[in-house]
């Protein structure tokens, strides 16, 4: 755990957040049990990156604005940016990122992004707020990318873990191309039966499962006889599930936005799934994680 990680706590949970990327690195209970990824470098060293101002990949890793192109890596720059600590107390912390000459070189917009974390009992509340301080509409996408332990602590078998959605999810799922990360045009039949998705590493042999039109705004992740997590994401209409097969984590990723569709060559403002934020407006994205023991 890095020395500069910020610690917050409730009477039963502790969390540590790294200022680089305002990234949640650890969520533990009073018994020291870890609910986040082990970040094994053999698979993936991420923990819970913040995805802004894009989710997924752009065609040729560029966005186009008014005839100009700007280099933009997959999932955007926030995850590797140094956030300032804007507010801190024993049970909460708020991080802030503002546009700068460096961000303007890859994303020519004024913005203010705040990520707030608060622990209350068994629940971690995360609120990301995007403010447009400029005079023109602000196009962006936003996503959460938390990687949870799989299996969760508590003794349940890894093979028994499942995701149970709040609503039936009969809609097909999407995939991305392995070479480009772009959204493939053909959808696949959903692996969800009713509300339940049994988890199996084979689901991710072709990369992430992506729901671009999710019915649910909450879900439960866990296994019978073990601990579980309730996730609520009322402002996010899309979801990705991902792991490197064989790893000890599962990423459950509420999104507003997704990768460029294959063949998309338009202006960034015309990309499917974007938010267009009016000057002076604020858009917030909530994610709550409740531990059930």
Protein backbone atom coordinates (compact mmCIF):
# COMPACT_ATOMS: atom_id res chain seq x y z
CA UNK A 1 0.00 0.00 0.00
CA UNK A 2 1.53 3.38 -0.97
CA UNK A 3 2.51 5.69 1.88
CA UNK A 4 0.46 8.59 0.50
CA UNK A 5 -2.83 6.66 0.32
CA UNK A 6 -5.61 8.42 2.23
CA UNK A 7 -7.36 6.33 4.89
CA UNK A 8 -10.98 6.74 5.98
CA UNK A 9 -12.99 4.54 8.33
CA UNK A 10 -16.36 3.80 9.86
CA UNK A 11 -16.85 1.71 12.97
CA UNK A 12 -16.76 -1.48 10.84
CA UNK A 13 -14.99 -0.70 7.53
CA UNK A 14 -11.76 0.95 6.42
CA UNK A 15 -10.86 2.24 2.97
CA UNK A 16 -7.65 3.55 1.44
CA UNK A 17 -7.67 5.76 -1.64
CA UNK A 18 -4.64 6.77 -3.71
CA UNK A 19 -4.50 10.42 -4.82
CA UNK A 20 -3.19 9.34 -8.22
CA UNK A 21 -6.44 8.76 -10.04
CA UNK A 22 -8.50 9.11 -6.83
CA UNK A 23 -8.38 5.31 -6.95
CA UNK A 24 -9.83 3.06 -4.28
CA UNK A 25 -7.07 0.57 -3.39
CA UNK A 26 -8.50 -1.21 -0.37
CA UNK A 27 -11.77 -1.91 1.43
CA UNK A 28 -11.44 -4.02 4.57
CA UNK A 29 -13.64 -4.96 7.49
CA UNK A 30 -12.75 -5.03 11.18
CA UNK A 31 -11.33 -8.53 10.84
CA UNK A 32 -8.89 -7.32 8.20
CA UNK A 33 -10.66 -9.09 5.35
CA UNK A 34 -10.02 -7.45 1.97
CA UNK A 35 -12.90 -6.97 -0.46
CA UNK A 36 -10.82 -5.51 -3.30
CA UNK A 37 -8.46 -7.12 -5.79
CA UNK A 38 -5.05 -8.49 -4.83
CA UNK A 39 -3.65 -6.62 -7.90
CA UNK A 40 -1.48 -9.60 -8.83
CA UNK A 41 0.90 -8.28 -11.52
CA UNK A 42 0.61 -11.59 -13.36
CA UNK A 43 -2.90 -10.45 -14.35
CA UNK A 44 -3.65 -6.75 -13.76
CA UNK A 45 -2.29 -4.21 -11.28
CA UNK A 46 -5.29 -1.89 -11.31
CA UNK A 47 -7.63 -1.51 -8.36
CA UNK A 48 -10.54 0.80 -9.22
CA UNK A 49 -9.57 3.37 -11.86
CA UNK A 50 -11.80 6.35 -12.61
CA UNK A 51 -12.70 6.51 -16.31
CA UNK A 52 -12.85 10.09 -17.63
CA UNK A 53 -13.34 11.75 -20.09
CA UNK A 54 -13.77 8.56 -22.12
CA UNK A 55 -14.82 5.00 -21.33
CA UNK A 56 -13.05 2.35 -23.36
CA UNK A 57 -11.04 2.89 -26.52
CA UNK A 58 -11.26 5.51 -29.23
CA UNK A 59 -10.58 4.71 -32.88
CA UNK A 60 -6.81 4.99 -33.39
CA UNK A 61 -6.57 6.36 -29.81
CA UNK A 62 -7.68 9.81 -30.97
CA UNK A 63 -10.70 12.01 -30.42
CA UNK A 64 -11.78 14.53 -33.01
CA UNK A 65 -13.00 18.00 -32.12
CA UNK A 66 -13.92 20.54 -34.82
CA UNK A 67 -11.62 18.98 -37.39
CA UNK A 68 -8.62 18.55 -35.06
CA UNK A 69 -7.41 15.28 -33.55
CA UNK A 70 -6.15 14.77 -30.00
CA UNK A 71 -4.34 11.72 -28.65
CA UNK A 72 -6.37 9.97 -25.95
CA UNK A 73 -5.52 6.65 -24.32
CA UNK A 74 -8.05 4.01 -23.40
CA UNK A 75 -10.30 5.07 -20.50
CA UNK A 76 -8.93 8.63 -20.50
CA UNK A 77 -6.41 10.49 -18.41
CA UNK A 78 -8.08 10.83 -14.99
CA UNK A 79 -6.84 7.44 -13.82
CA UNK A 80 -3.21 8.60 -14.11
CA UNK A 81 -3.72 12.19 -12.96
CA UNK A 82 -2.69 13.68 -9.62
CA UNK A 83 -5.84 14.70 -7.76
CA UNK A 84 -5.70 17.31 -5.01
CA UNK A 85 -7.24 16.59 -1.62
CA UNK A 86 -10.03 19.16 -1.38
CA UNK A 87 -11.61 17.97 1.89
CA UNK A 88 -10.71 15.33 4.46
CA UNK A 89 -12.17 13.96 7.69
CA UNK A 90 -11.93 10.59 9.49
CA UNK A 91 -14.87 9.11 7.56
CA UNK A 92 -14.71 10.94 4.24
CA UNK A 93 -12.41 12.54 1.69
CA UNK A 94 -12.94 14.50 -1.52
CA UNK A 95 -10.44 14.68 -4.37
CA UNK A 96 -10.38 17.33 -7.11
CA UNK A 97 -9.00 17.44 -10.64
CA UNK A 98 -9.14 20.55 -12.83
CA UNK A 99 -8.26 21.16 -16.45
CA UNK A 100 -4.72 22.33 -17.08
CA UNK A 101 -2.40 22.96 -20.03
CA UNK A 102 -1.56 19.23 -19.93
CA UNK A 103 -5.19 18.12 -20.11
CA UNK A 104 -6.00 20.73 -22.77
CA UNK A 105 -3.38 19.16 -25.04
CA UNK A 106 -5.42 15.96 -25.20
CA UNK A 107 -8.92 17.21 -24.34
CA UNK A 108 -9.60 20.83 -25.32
CA UNK A 109 -12.24 21.61 -22.69
CA UNK A 110 -12.55 23.28 -19.30
CA UNK A 111 -13.80 20.89 -16.62
CA UNK A 112 -13.85 20.25 -12.89
CA UNK A 113 -14.00 16.65 -11.63
CA UNK A 114 -14.53 15.86 -7.93
CA UNK A 115 -14.55 12.34 -6.48
CA UNK A 116 -15.91 12.03 -2.93
CA UNK A 117 -15.68 8.92 -0.72
CA UNK A 118 -17.63 8.46 2.52
CA UNK A 119 -17.91 5.45 4.84
CA UNK A 120 -21.03 4.95 6.94
CA UNK A 121 -21.37 1.62 8.71
CA UNK A 122 -21.06 -1.16 6.16
CA UNK A 123 -21.48 1.16 3.17
CA UNK A 124 -18.98 3.05 1.04
CA UNK A 125 -20.55 5.91 -0.89
CA UNK A 126 -18.70 7.32 -3.89
CA UNK A 127 -19.94 10.40 -5.74
CA UNK A 128 -18.22 11.72 -8.85
CA UNK A 129 -19.28 15.21 -9.95
CA UNK A 130 -18.40 16.81 -13.27
CA UNK A 131 -18.81 20.58 -13.55
CA UNK A 132 -18.63 22.56 -16.78
CA UNK A 133 -17.00 25.93 -15.97
CA UNK A 134 -16.72 26.81 -19.65
CA UNK A 135 -18.96 28.70 -22.07
CA UNK A 136 -19.63 25.81 -24.48
CA UNK A 137 -21.19 22.37 -23.94
CA UNK A 138 -18.83 19.80 -22.40
CA UNK A 139 -18.88 16.32 -24.01
CA UNK A 140 -17.62 13.46 -21.85
CA UNK A 141 -18.13 9.93 -20.65
CA UNK A 142 -17.60 8.64 -17.13
CA UNK A 143 -17.18 5.21 -15.61
CA UNK A 144 -16.27 3.33 -12.45
CA UNK A 145 -13.94 0.31 -12.74
CA UNK A 146 -13.72 -1.36 -9.29
CA UNK A 147 -12.06 -4.76 -9.10
CA UNK A 148 -13.46 -6.88 -6.27
CA UNK A 149 -11.95 -10.02 -4.78
CA UNK A 150 -13.11 -13.21 -6.47
CA UNK A 151 -13.71 -15.16 -4.33
CA UNK A 152 -14.84 -12.71 -1.68
CA UNK A 153 -13.65 -13.34 1.89
CA UNK A 154 -15.90 -15.54 3.94
CA UNK A 155 -15.14 -19.01 2.68
CA UNK A 156 -17.58 -19.46 -0.21
CA UNK A 157 -16.26 -21.34 -3.22
CA UNK A 158 -15.12 -19.22 -6.16
CA UNK A 159 -17.23 -21.26 -8.58
CA UNK A 160 -20.38 -20.46 -6.59
CA UNK A 161 -20.08 -16.68 -7.04
CA UNK A 162 -22.70 -14.95 -9.13
CA UNK A 163 -24.09 -11.57 -10.03
CA UNK A 164 -27.79 -11.10 -9.29
CA UNK A 165 -29.31 -8.10 -11.02
CA UNK A 166 -32.20 -6.08 -9.59
CA UNK A 167 -34.17 -6.59 -12.81
CA UNK A 168 -34.31 -9.29 -15.46
CA UNK A 169 -31.65 -8.65 -18.09
CA UNK A 170 -32.79 -10.31 -21.34
CA UNK A 171 -31.04 -7.83 -23.65
CA UNK A 172 -28.02 -9.07 -25.61
CA UNK A 173 -24.48 -8.16 -24.57
CA UNK A 174 -21.71 -6.55 -26.60
CA UNK A 175 -18.02 -7.28 -27.00
CA UNK A 176 -14.97 -5.32 -28.08
CA UNK A 177 -12.41 -6.26 -30.71
CA UNK A 178 -9.25 -7.64 -29.14
CA UNK A 179 -6.88 -5.74 -31.42
CA UNK A 180 -8.49 -2.29 -31.21
CA UNK A 181 -10.79 -2.35 -28.17
CA UNK A 182 -13.61 -0.95 -30.32
CA UNK A 183 -17.22 -2.02 -29.84
CA UNK A 184 -18.15 -4.82 -32.21
CA UNK A 185 -21.36 -4.32 -34.22
CA UNK A 186 -22.84 -7.75 -33.54
CA UNK A 187 -24.46 -8.42 -30.18
CA UNK A 188 -24.45 -11.80 -28.43
CA UNK A 189 -27.19 -13.60 -26.56
CA UNK A 190 -27.11 -12.72 -22.88
CA UNK A 191 -25.54 -15.23 -20.48
CA UNK A 192 -27.96 -13.99 -17.78
CA UNK A 193 -30.82 -16.31 -16.85
CA UNK A 194 -33.60 -14.10 -15.54
CA UNK A 195 -31.70 -11.95 -13.04
CA UNK A 196 -28.79 -14.31 -12.36
CA UNK A 197 -25.36 -14.58 -13.97
CA UNK A 198 -23.21 -17.44 -12.61
CA UNK A 199 -19.60 -16.30 -12.84
CA UNK A 200 -17.07 -18.36 -14.75
CA UNK A 201 -13.66 -17.24 -16.06
CA UNK A 202 -14.66 -18.64 -19.47
CA UNK A 203 -17.14 -15.75 -19.81
CA UNK A 204 -14.15 -13.44 -20.28
CA UNK A 205 -12.18 -15.42 -22.83
CA UNK A 206 -13.37 -12.84 -25.40
CA UNK A 207 -12.77 -9.87 -23.10
CA UNK A 208 -15.46 -7.92 -21.25
CA UNK A 209 -19.20 -8.46 -21.20
CA UNK A 210 -20.87 -5.12 -21.96
CA UNK A 211 -24.47 -4.06 -21.46
CA UNK A 212 -25.16 -0.85 -23.40
CA UNK A 213 -28.80 -0.72 -22.31
CA UNK A 214 -28.96 -2.11 -18.79
CA UNK A 215 -32.37 -2.46 -17.12
CA UNK A 216 -30.98 -2.64 -13.57
CA UNK A 217 -29.42 0.12 -11.50
CA UNK A 218 -28.27 -2.20 -8.71
CA UNK A 219 -26.98 -5.74 -8.24
CA UNK A 220 -25.61 -8.20 -5.69
CA UNK A 221 -22.28 -9.98 -6.07
CA UNK A 222 -21.35 -12.95 -3.94
CA UNK A 223 -22.02 -16.60 -3.21
CA UNK A 224 -24.43 -18.47 -0.94
CA UNK A 225 -22.90 -19.01 2.48
CA UNK A 226 -20.31 -16.27 2.10
CA UNK A 227 -20.10 -12.51 2.20
CA UNK A 228 -21.61 -10.45 -0.60
CA UNK A 229 -21.62 -6.90 -1.95
CA UNK A 230 -24.61 -4.80 -2.93
CA UNK A 231 -23.78 -2.24 -5.63
CA UNK A 232 -26.14 0.61 -6.49
CA UNK A 233 -25.43 2.97 -9.39
CA UNK A 234 -28.62 4.96 -10.03
CA UNK A 235 -27.09 7.34 -12.58
CA UNK A 236 -25.36 4.78 -14.82
CA UNK A 237 -27.22 3.08 -17.70
CA UNK A 238 -24.42 0.76 -18.86
CA UNK A 239 -22.27 -1.94 -17.30
CA UNK A 240 -19.09 -3.85 -18.02
CA UNK A 241 -17.94 -7.08 -16.35
CA UNK A 242 -14.31 -8.06 -16.88
CA UNK A 243 -11.35 -10.02 -15.64
CA UNK A 244 -8.24 -11.63 -17.04
CA UNK A 245 -9.29 -15.28 -16.88
CA UNK A 246 -7.74 -16.97 -13.86
CA UNK A 247 -7.21 -13.78 -11.87
CA UNK A 248 -8.49 -13.26 -8.32
CA UNK A 249 -10.81 -10.36 -9.10
CA UNK A 250 -13.96 -9.44 -10.99
CA UNK A 251 -14.46 -5.91 -12.28
CA UNK A 252 -18.05 -4.68 -11.98
CA UNK A 253 -18.08 -1.41 -13.90
CA UNK A 254 -21.06 0.98 -14.06
CA UNK A 255 -20.62 3.29 -17.05
CA UNK A 256 -22.04 6.30 -18.80
CA UNK A 257 -20.50 5.72 -22.21
CA UNK A 258 -18.52 3.00 -23.95
CA UNK A 259 -15.81 2.44 -26.55
CA UNK A 260 -16.11 3.84 -30.06
CA UNK A 261 -18.18 1.52 -32.24
CA UNK A 262 -16.20 -0.05 -35.05
CA UNK A 263 -16.34 2.28 -38.04
CA UNK A 264 -17.14 5.42 -36.03
CA UNK A 265 -15.23 8.37 -37.51
CA UNK A 266 -17.29 11.33 -36.34
CA UNK A 267 -16.68 14.24 -34.03
CA UNK A 268 -16.28 13.36 -30.36
CA UNK A 269 -19.49 15.23 -29.56
CA UNK A 270 -21.40 12.78 -31.80
CA UNK A 271 -20.07 9.63 -30.13
CA UNK A 272 -22.85 7.34 -28.82
CA UNK A 273 -23.32 7.33 -25.06
CA UNK A 274 -21.76 10.72 -24.31
CA UNK A 275 -23.04 13.31 -21.86
CA UNK A 276 -23.33 16.86 -23.23
CA UNK A 277 -23.10 19.09 -20.16
CA UNK A 278 -24.37 22.64 -20.50
CA UNK A 279 -22.18 25.57 -19.42
CA UNK A 280 -22.37 26.03 -15.66
CA UNK A 281 -24.07 22.66 -15.13
CA UNK A 282 -23.02 19.75 -12.89
CA UNK A 283 -23.61 16.03 -13.47
CA UNK A 284 -23.07 13.54 -10.64
CA UNK A 285 -22.60 9.77 -10.70
CA UNK A 286 -23.24 7.79 -7.53
CA UNK A 287 -21.89 4.38 -6.63
CA UNK A 288 -22.58 2.71 -3.28
CA UNK A 289 -20.92 -0.50 -2.13
CA UNK A 290 -22.52 -2.26 0.83
CA UNK A 291 -20.78 -5.19 2.50
CA UNK A 292 -23.04 -8.00 3.71
CA UNK A 293 -21.39 -10.32 6.24
